[in-house]
Structures are given as C-alpha cells and as structure tokens.
Amino acid sequence: MAYRLRIDQLRNAALKAGDQRPADIAKRTGISESALSRMLRGQSTPGLVTIMKLRDSYGLTNKDLIEEVAA
C-alpha cells in the first residue's frame, strides 16, 4: 500500500492553531524545518513517528493525515 500526506488537512489544522508558516509547524511538532518543507512540497513521505507527531500536535487522526494512493 502506498500513501501520502494530506497536506491540505495539515495546513488547515495548522492555520486553526495559529501556525501560519512551516517554521511554526516545525516548532510545534518538533519536526525539522527541512524535513517538513520536503513533506509539504510532496518530495518525501513521512514515517509513522512523524505522522504521530503531526496528529498529536493538531488533534487529528491518522485518517485525517494520510490517504492511500495507487502504487
């Protein structure tokens, strides 16, 4: 199964929490700005630990953050 980050959901949740910039998301989640930048541009896929950090930081579910895609 292939999956990808639902960037739209992450950005919406971040904005609701007052995090307007990727640097704000990085600070809240503890994910490096460079890793976050690659994820937001669709150049990398987050691992389970990263998904959990995003999920827990913004009160989302795994289903909110990831979607299955054709391999």
C-alpha atoms as a PDB file:
ATOM      1  CA  MET A   1       0.000   0.000   0.000  1.00  0.00           C
ATOM      2  CA  ALA A   2       1.312   3.430  -0.913  1.00  0.00           C
ATOM      3  CA  TYR A   3       0.205   6.510   0.947  1.00  0.00           C
ATOM      4  CA  ARG A   4       0.766  10.232   1.024  1.00  0.00           C
ATOM      5  CA  LEU A   5       0.354  13.080   3.447  1.00  0.00           C
ATOM      6  CA  ARG A   6      -2.850  15.055   3.101  1.00  0.00           C
ATOM      7  CA  ILE A   7      -1.128  18.412   3.005  1.00  0.00           C
ATOM      8  CA  ASP A   8      -4.409  20.335   2.774  1.00  0.00           C
ATOM      9  CA  GLN A   9      -5.644  18.833   6.038  1.00  0.00           C
ATOM     10  CA  LEU A  10      -2.366  19.564   7.786  1.00  0.00           C
ATOM     11  CA  ARG A  11      -2.307  23.177   6.588  1.00  0.00           C
ATOM     12  CA  ASN A  12      -5.940  23.733   7.638  1.00  0.00           C
ATOM     13  CA  ALA A  13      -5.321  22.309  11.112  1.00  0.00           C
ATOM     14  CA  ALA A  14      -2.138  24.347  11.461  1.00  0.00           C
ATOM     15  CA  LEU A  15      -3.937  27.558  10.490  1.00  0.00           C
ATOM     16  CA  LYS A  16      -6.702  26.868  13.022  1.00  0.00           C
ATOM     17  CA  ALA A  17      -3.990  26.503  15.678  1.00  0.00           C
ATOM     18  CA  GLY A  18      -2.400  29.804  14.594  1.00  0.00           C
ATOM     19  CA  ASP A  19       0.537  28.226  12.767  1.00  0.00           C
ATOM     20  CA  GLN A  20       0.786  30.129   9.504  1.00  0.00           C
ATOM     21  CA  ARG A  21       4.324  29.295   8.423  1.00  0.00           C
ATOM     22  CA  PRO A  22       6.141  25.978   8.048  1.00  0.00           C
ATOM     23  CA  ALA A  23       8.516  27.210  10.770  1.00  0.00           C
ATOM     24  CA  ASP A  24       5.520  27.435  13.128  1.00  0.00           C
ATOM     25  CA  ILE A  25       4.517  23.853  12.331  1.00  0.00           C
ATOM     26  CA  ALA A  26       8.096  22.681  12.839  1.00  0.00           C
ATOM     27  CA  LYS A  27       8.317  24.403  16.212  1.00  0.00           C
ATOM     28  CA  ARG A  28       5.020  22.954  17.448  1.00  0.00           C
ATOM     29  CA  THR A  29       5.712  19.412  16.257  1.00  0.00           C
ATOM     30  CA  GLY A  30       9.458  19.088  16.805  1.00  0.00           C
ATOM     31  CA  ILE A  31       9.948  18.083  13.165  1.00  0.00           C
ATOM     32  CA  SER A  32      12.889  19.769  11.455  1.00  0.00           C
ATOM     33  CA  GLU A  33      12.028  22.596   9.091  1.00  0.00           C
ATOM     34  CA  SER A  34      13.888  20.911   6.233  1.00  0.00           C
ATOM     35  CA  ALA A  35      12.002  17.619   6.645  1.00  0.00           C
ATOM     36  CA  LEU A  36       8.708  19.457   6.950  1.00  0.00           C
ATOM     37  CA  SER A  37       9.459  21.524   3.865  1.00  0.00           C
ATOM     38  CA  ARG A  38      10.103  18.360   1.814  1.00  0.00           C
ATOM     39  CA  MET A  39       6.825  16.854   3.041  1.00  0.00           C
ATOM     40  CA  LEU A  40       4.823  19.994   2.250  1.00  0.00           C
ATOM     41  CA  ARG A  41       6.258  20.066  -1.281  1.00  0.00           C
ATOM     42  CA  GLY A  42       5.394  16.378  -1.749  1.00  0.00           C
ATOM     43  CA  GLN A  43       9.055  15.399  -2.097  1.00  0.00           C
ATOM     44  CA  SER A  44       9.044  12.976   0.833  1.00  0.00           C
ATOM     45  CA  THR A  45       6.581  10.778   2.660  1.00  0.00           C
ATOM     46  CA  PRO A  46       6.502  10.962   6.452  1.00  0.00           C
ATOM     47  CA  GLY A  47       7.132   7.885   8.539  1.00  0.00           C
ATOM     48  CA  LEU A  48       4.927   6.673  11.360  1.00  0.00           C
ATOM     49  CA  VAL A  49       6.657   8.684  14.102  1.00  0.00           C
ATOM     50  CA  THR A  50       6.333  11.894  12.088  1.00  0.00           C
ATOM     51  CA  ILE A  51       2.671  11.220  11.355  1.00  0.00           C
ATOM     52  CA  MET A  52       2.099  10.659  15.068  1.00  0.00           C
ATOM     53  CA  LYS A  53       3.779  13.980  15.915  1.00  0.00           C
ATOM     54  CA  LEU A  54       1.622  15.828  13.392  1.00  0.00           C
ATOM     55  CA  ARG A  55      -1.519  14.021  14.521  1.00  0.00           C
ATOM     56  CA  ASP A  56      -0.955  14.656  18.202  1.00  0.00           C
ATOM     57  CA  SER A  57       0.103  18.283  17.739  1.00  0.00           C
ATOM     58  CA  TYR A  58      -3.058  19.224  15.865  1.00  0.00           C
ATOM     59  CA  GLY A  59      -5.670  16.837  17.276  1.00  0.00           C
ATOM     60  CA  LEU A  60      -6.049  14.938  14.024  1.00  0.00           C
ATOM     61  CA  THR A  61      -6.433  11.252  13.261  1.00  0.00           C
ATOM     62  CA  ASN A  62      -4.247   9.104  11.035  1.00  0.00           C
ATOM     63  CA  LYS A  63      -7.121   9.044   8.553  1.00  0.00           C
ATOM     64  CA  ASP A  64      -7.164  12.857   8.545  1.00  0.00           C
ATOM     65  CA  LEU A  65      -3.468  12.973   7.665  1.00  0.00           C
ATOM     66  CA  ILE A  66      -2.846  10.144   5.240  1.00  0.00           C
ATOM     67  CA  GLU A  67      -4.541   8.814   2.168  1.00  0.00           C
ATOM     68  CA  GLU A  68      -3.937   5.668   0.193  1.00  0.00           C
ATOM     69  CA  VAL A  69      -2.760   6.104  -3.379  1.00  0.00           C
ATOM     70  CA  ALA A  70      -2.161   3.733  -6.246  1.00  0.00           C
ATOM     71  CA  ALA A  71       1.355   2.358  -6.154  1.00  0.00           C
END
